């Protein structure tokens, strides 16, 4: 498997630059939020769960930064299956 990866990288050397530009920033941010070097849980299943929570919070933060709190709140209130339409917001 490592040999196949090495061969693909030799065939397309710009691929690692593209990966670094697209994927490494979110993973670096997630690592920083986790304390840089470690997970708090032990075991693969627990670490997967911990990472999934970190990824979800990262993605939610991105949504809030892009749309804004007001737009997200309004979208949630407009959903047809939302039973909390009469809530007053501050």
N, C-alpha and C. Protein backbone atom coordinates (compact mmCIF):
# COMPACT_ATOMS: atom_id res chain seq x y z
N UNK A 1 0.82 -1.18 0.00
CA UNK A 1 0.00 0.00 0.00
C UNK A 1 0.87 1.26 0.00
N UNK A 2 1.91 1.29 0.77
CA UNK A 2 2.82 2.43 0.81
C UNK A 2 3.52 2.61 -0.53
N UNK A 3 3.83 1.51 -1.17
CA UNK A 3 4.49 1.58 -2.48
C UNK A 3 3.56 2.22 -3.51
N UNK A 4 2.28 1.85 -3.45
CA UNK A 4 1.31 2.41 -4.38
C UNK A 4 1.17 3.92 -4.17
N UNK A 5 1.14 4.32 -2.91
CA UNK A 5 1.06 5.74 -2.59
C UNK A 5 2.30 6.48 -3.11
N UNK A 6 3.47 5.91 -2.88
CA UNK A 6 4.73 6.52 -3.34
C UNK A 6 4.73 6.67 -4.86
N UNK A 7 4.25 5.65 -5.55
CA UNK A 7 4.20 5.70 -7.01
C UNK A 7 3.25 6.81 -7.49
N UNK A 8 2.09 6.93 -6.85
CA UNK A 8 1.15 7.99 -7.23
C UNK A 8 1.75 9.37 -6.99
N UNK A 9 2.47 9.53 -5.90
CA UNK A 9 3.08 10.82 -5.60
C UNK A 9 4.18 11.17 -6.59
N UNK A 10 4.92 10.17 -7.07
CA UNK A 10 5.96 10.42 -8.07
C UNK A 10 5.34 10.78 -9.41
N UNK A 11 4.20 10.21 -9.73
CA UNK A 11 3.53 10.52 -10.99
C UNK A 11 2.93 11.92 -10.99
N UNK A 12 2.52 12.41 -9.83
CA UNK A 12 1.89 13.72 -9.74
C UNK A 12 2.43 14.46 -8.50
N UNK A 13 3.59 15.10 -8.62
CA UNK A 13 4.22 15.73 -7.45
C UNK A 13 3.43 16.92 -6.88
N UNK A 14 2.58 17.54 -7.66
CA UNK A 14 1.79 18.66 -7.15
C UNK A 14 0.62 18.22 -6.27
N UNK A 15 0.37 16.93 -6.23
CA UNK A 15 -0.76 16.41 -5.45
C UNK A 15 -0.61 16.71 -3.96
N UNK A 16 0.60 16.60 -3.44
CA UNK A 16 0.82 16.87 -2.01
C UNK A 16 0.60 18.35 -1.70
N UNK A 17 0.98 19.22 -2.61
CA UNK A 17 0.72 20.65 -2.41
C UNK A 17 -0.78 20.91 -2.37
N UNK A 18 -1.51 20.25 -3.27
CA UNK A 18 -2.96 20.41 -3.31
C UNK A 18 -3.58 19.88 -2.02
N UNK A 19 -3.12 18.73 -1.56
CA UNK A 19 -3.62 18.16 -0.32
C UNK A 19 -3.35 19.11 0.85
N UNK A 20 -2.13 19.64 0.89
CA UNK A 20 -1.78 20.56 1.96
C UNK A 20 -2.66 21.79 1.97
N UNK A 21 -3.01 22.27 0.79
CA UNK A 21 -3.84 23.47 0.70
C UNK A 21 -5.29 23.19 1.07
N UNK A 22 -5.78 22.00 0.78
CA UNK A 22 -7.18 21.70 1.00
C UNK A 22 -7.48 21.04 2.35
N UNK A 23 -6.66 20.09 2.75
CA UNK A 23 -7.01 19.26 3.89
C UNK A 23 -6.22 19.54 5.16
N UNK A 24 -5.03 20.01 5.04
CA UNK A 24 -4.19 20.11 6.23
C UNK A 24 -4.63 21.21 7.19
N UNK A 25 -5.20 22.29 6.69
CA UNK A 25 -5.62 23.37 7.58
C UNK A 25 -6.70 22.91 8.57
N UNK A 26 -7.79 22.26 8.10
CA UNK A 26 -8.79 21.80 9.07
C UNK A 26 -8.22 20.80 10.07
N UNK A 27 -7.36 19.89 9.62
CA UNK A 27 -6.79 18.92 10.55
C UNK A 27 -5.87 19.60 11.54
N UNK A 28 -5.13 20.60 11.09
CA UNK A 28 -4.27 21.34 12.01
C UNK A 28 -5.10 22.09 13.05
N UNK A 29 -6.21 22.67 12.62
CA UNK A 29 -7.10 23.36 13.56
C UNK A 29 -7.68 22.38 14.57
N UNK A 30 -8.08 21.22 14.09
CA UNK A 30 -8.64 20.22 15.01
C UNK A 30 -7.59 19.73 16.00
N UNK A 31 -6.38 19.51 15.53
CA UNK A 31 -5.30 19.10 16.44
C UNK A 31 -5.04 20.17 17.49
N UNK A 32 -5.06 21.42 17.08
CA UNK A 32 -4.82 22.52 18.02
C UNK A 32 -5.91 22.54 19.08
N UNK A 33 -7.17 22.38 18.67
CA UNK A 33 -8.28 22.36 19.64
C UNK A 33 -8.17 21.18 20.59
N UNK A 34 -7.57 20.10 20.13
CA UNK A 34 -7.46 18.90 20.96
C UNK A 34 -6.26 18.96 21.89
N UNK A 35 -5.47 19.99 21.83
CA UNK A 35 -4.31 20.09 22.69
C UNK A 35 -3.04 19.74 21.96
N UNK A 36 -3.06 19.80 20.64
CA UNK A 36 -1.90 19.65 19.77
C UNK A 36 -1.46 18.21 19.50
N UNK A 37 -1.31 17.36 20.51
CA UNK A 37 -0.61 16.11 20.24
C UNK A 37 -1.35 14.84 20.62
N UNK A 38 -2.49 14.93 21.25
CA UNK A 38 -3.07 13.70 21.76
C UNK A 38 -4.59 13.78 21.83
N UNK A 39 -5.19 12.62 21.90
CA UNK A 39 -6.61 12.51 22.19
C UNK A 39 -6.78 12.32 23.69
N UNK A 40 -7.94 12.67 24.20
CA UNK A 40 -8.20 12.50 25.62
C UNK A 40 -8.63 11.09 25.96
N UNK A 41 -9.17 10.37 24.99
CA UNK A 41 -9.66 9.01 25.20
C UNK A 41 -8.61 8.00 24.71
N UNK A 42 -8.81 6.76 25.10
CA UNK A 42 -7.94 5.68 24.64
C UNK A 42 -8.77 4.66 23.87
N UNK A 43 -8.14 4.05 22.90
CA UNK A 43 -8.82 3.06 22.07
C UNK A 43 -9.30 3.70 20.77
N UNK A 44 -9.22 2.92 19.70
CA UNK A 44 -9.55 3.44 18.37
C UNK A 44 -10.99 3.92 18.29
N UNK A 45 -11.93 3.15 18.81
CA UNK A 45 -13.34 3.53 18.71
C UNK A 45 -13.62 4.83 19.46
N UNK A 46 -13.05 4.98 20.63
CA UNK A 46 -13.25 6.20 21.42
C UNK A 46 -12.57 7.40 20.76
N UNK A 47 -11.39 7.18 20.19
CA UNK A 47 -10.69 8.27 19.49
C UNK A 47 -11.45 8.68 18.24
N UNK A 48 -12.05 7.71 17.55
CA UNK A 48 -12.88 8.05 16.39
C UNK A 48 -14.07 8.90 16.82
N UNK A 49 -14.69 8.54 17.93
CA UNK A 49 -15.80 9.33 18.44
C UNK A 49 -15.36 10.74 18.82
N UNK A 50 -14.22 10.83 19.49
CA UNK A 50 -13.69 12.13 19.89
C UNK A 50 -13.38 12.98 18.66
N UNK A 51 -12.75 12.37 17.66
CA UNK A 51 -12.43 13.11 16.45
C UNK A 51 -13.69 13.53 15.71
N UNK A 52 -14.70 12.66 15.69
CA UNK A 52 -15.96 13.00 15.03
C UNK A 52 -16.60 14.21 15.69
N UNK A 53 -16.56 14.27 17.01
CA UNK A 53 -17.11 15.43 17.72
C UNK A 53 -16.32 16.69 17.39
N UNK A 54 -14.99 16.56 17.33
CA UNK A 54 -14.16 17.72 16.98
C UNK A 54 -14.47 18.19 15.56
N UNK A 55 -14.63 17.24 14.63
CA UNK A 55 -14.93 17.61 13.24
C UNK A 55 -16.30 18.27 13.15
N UNK A 56 -17.27 17.75 13.89
CA UNK A 56 -18.61 18.34 13.87
C UNK A 56 -18.59 19.77 14.41
N UNK A 57 -17.87 20.00 15.51
CA UNK A 57 -17.82 21.35 16.05
C UNK A 57 -17.05 22.29 15.12
N UNK A 58 -16.02 21.78 14.47
CA UNK A 58 -15.29 22.60 13.49
C UNK A 58 -16.22 23.00 12.35
N UNK A 59 -16.96 22.02 11.81
CA UNK A 59 -17.87 22.30 10.70
C UNK A 59 -18.98 23.26 11.13
N UNK A 60 -19.50 23.09 12.34
CA UNK A 60 -20.55 23.98 12.83
C UNK A 60 -20.02 25.40 12.99
N UNK A 61 -18.80 25.52 13.49
CA UNK A 61 -18.17 26.84 13.62
C UNK A 61 -18.01 27.50 12.25
N UNK A 62 -17.62 26.70 11.24
CA UNK A 62 -17.49 27.23 9.88
C UNK A 62 -18.84 27.73 9.36
N UNK A 63 -19.91 26.96 9.60
CA UNK A 63 -21.25 27.37 9.17
C UNK A 63 -21.62 28.69 9.83
N UNK A 64 -21.38 28.79 11.13
CA UNK A 64 -21.71 30.04 11.83
C UNK A 64 -20.89 31.21 11.30
N UNK A 65 -19.62 30.98 11.00
CA UNK A 65 -18.79 32.06 10.48
C UNK A 65 -19.19 32.48 9.07
N UNK A 66 -19.64 31.53 8.26
CA UNK A 66 -20.01 31.84 6.88
C UNK A 66 -21.41 32.43 6.80
N UNK A 67 -22.39 31.78 7.44
CA UNK A 67 -23.77 32.24 7.35
C UNK A 67 -24.10 33.32 8.37
N UNK A 68 -23.55 33.19 9.54
CA UNK A 68 -23.90 34.07 10.64
C UNK A 68 -24.99 33.43 11.49
N UNK A 69 -25.05 33.83 12.74
CA UNK A 69 -26.01 33.24 13.69
C UNK A 69 -27.43 33.56 13.26
N UNK A 70 -27.69 34.79 12.84
CA UNK A 70 -29.05 35.19 12.47
C UNK A 70 -29.57 34.38 11.29
N UNK A 71 -28.75 34.19 10.26
CA UNK A 71 -29.18 33.42 9.08
C UNK A 71 -29.44 31.97 9.44
N UNK A 72 -28.60 31.39 10.28
CA UNK A 72 -28.81 29.99 10.68
C UNK A 72 -30.08 29.88 11.52
N UNK A 73 -30.29 30.80 12.43
CA UNK A 73 -31.48 30.78 13.26
C UNK A 73 -32.73 30.91 12.40
N UNK A 74 -32.71 31.84 11.44
CA UNK A 74 -33.87 32.04 10.57
C UNK A 74 -34.13 30.81 9.71
N UNK A 75 -33.08 30.18 9.22
CA UNK A 75 -33.24 28.95 8.43
C UNK A 75 -33.90 27.87 9.27
N UNK A 76 -33.44 27.69 10.49
CA UNK A 76 -34.02 26.66 11.36
C UNK A 76 -35.47 26.96 11.67
N UNK A 77 -35.82 28.22 11.85
CA UNK A 77 -37.20 28.60 12.14
C UNK A 77 -38.10 28.40 10.92
N UNK A 78 -37.58 28.53 9.70
CA UNK A 78 -38.38 28.38 8.48
C UNK A 78 -38.63 26.94 8.09
N UNK A 79 -37.87 26.02 8.63
CA UNK A 79 -38.03 24.62 8.22
C UNK A 79 -39.45 24.15 8.47
N UNK A 80 -40.03 23.44 7.52
CA UNK A 80 -41.44 23.05 7.61
C UNK A 80 -41.71 22.06 8.74
N UNK A 81 -40.75 21.22 9.08
CA UNK A 81 -40.98 20.23 10.13
C UNK A 81 -40.58 20.74 11.51
N UNK A 82 -40.30 22.04 11.63
CA UNK A 82 -39.87 22.62 12.90
C UNK A 82 -41.10 22.93 13.74
N UNK A 83 -41.17 22.38 14.94
CA UNK A 83 -42.32 22.60 15.81
C UNK A 83 -42.11 23.79 16.76
N UNK A 84 -40.98 24.49 16.66
CA UNK A 84 -40.67 25.58 17.58
C UNK A 84 -40.70 26.91 16.83
N UNK A 85 -41.70 27.14 16.01
CA UNK A 85 -41.76 28.34 15.19
C UNK A 85 -42.17 29.58 15.96
N UNK A 86 -42.81 29.41 17.09
CA UNK A 86 -43.33 30.56 17.82
C UNK A 86 -42.36 31.10 18.85
N UNK A 87 -41.14 30.61 18.87
CA UNK A 87 -40.16 31.07 19.84
C UNK A 87 -39.71 32.49 19.50
N UNK A 88 -39.66 33.34 20.49
CA UNK A 88 -39.17 34.71 20.32
C UNK A 88 -37.69 34.75 20.63
N UNK A 89 -36.92 35.38 19.76
CA UNK A 89 -35.48 35.47 19.96
C UNK A 89 -35.12 36.83 20.53
N UNK A 90 -34.08 36.85 21.30
CA UNK A 90 -33.64 38.11 21.92
C UNK A 90 -32.99 39.00 20.91
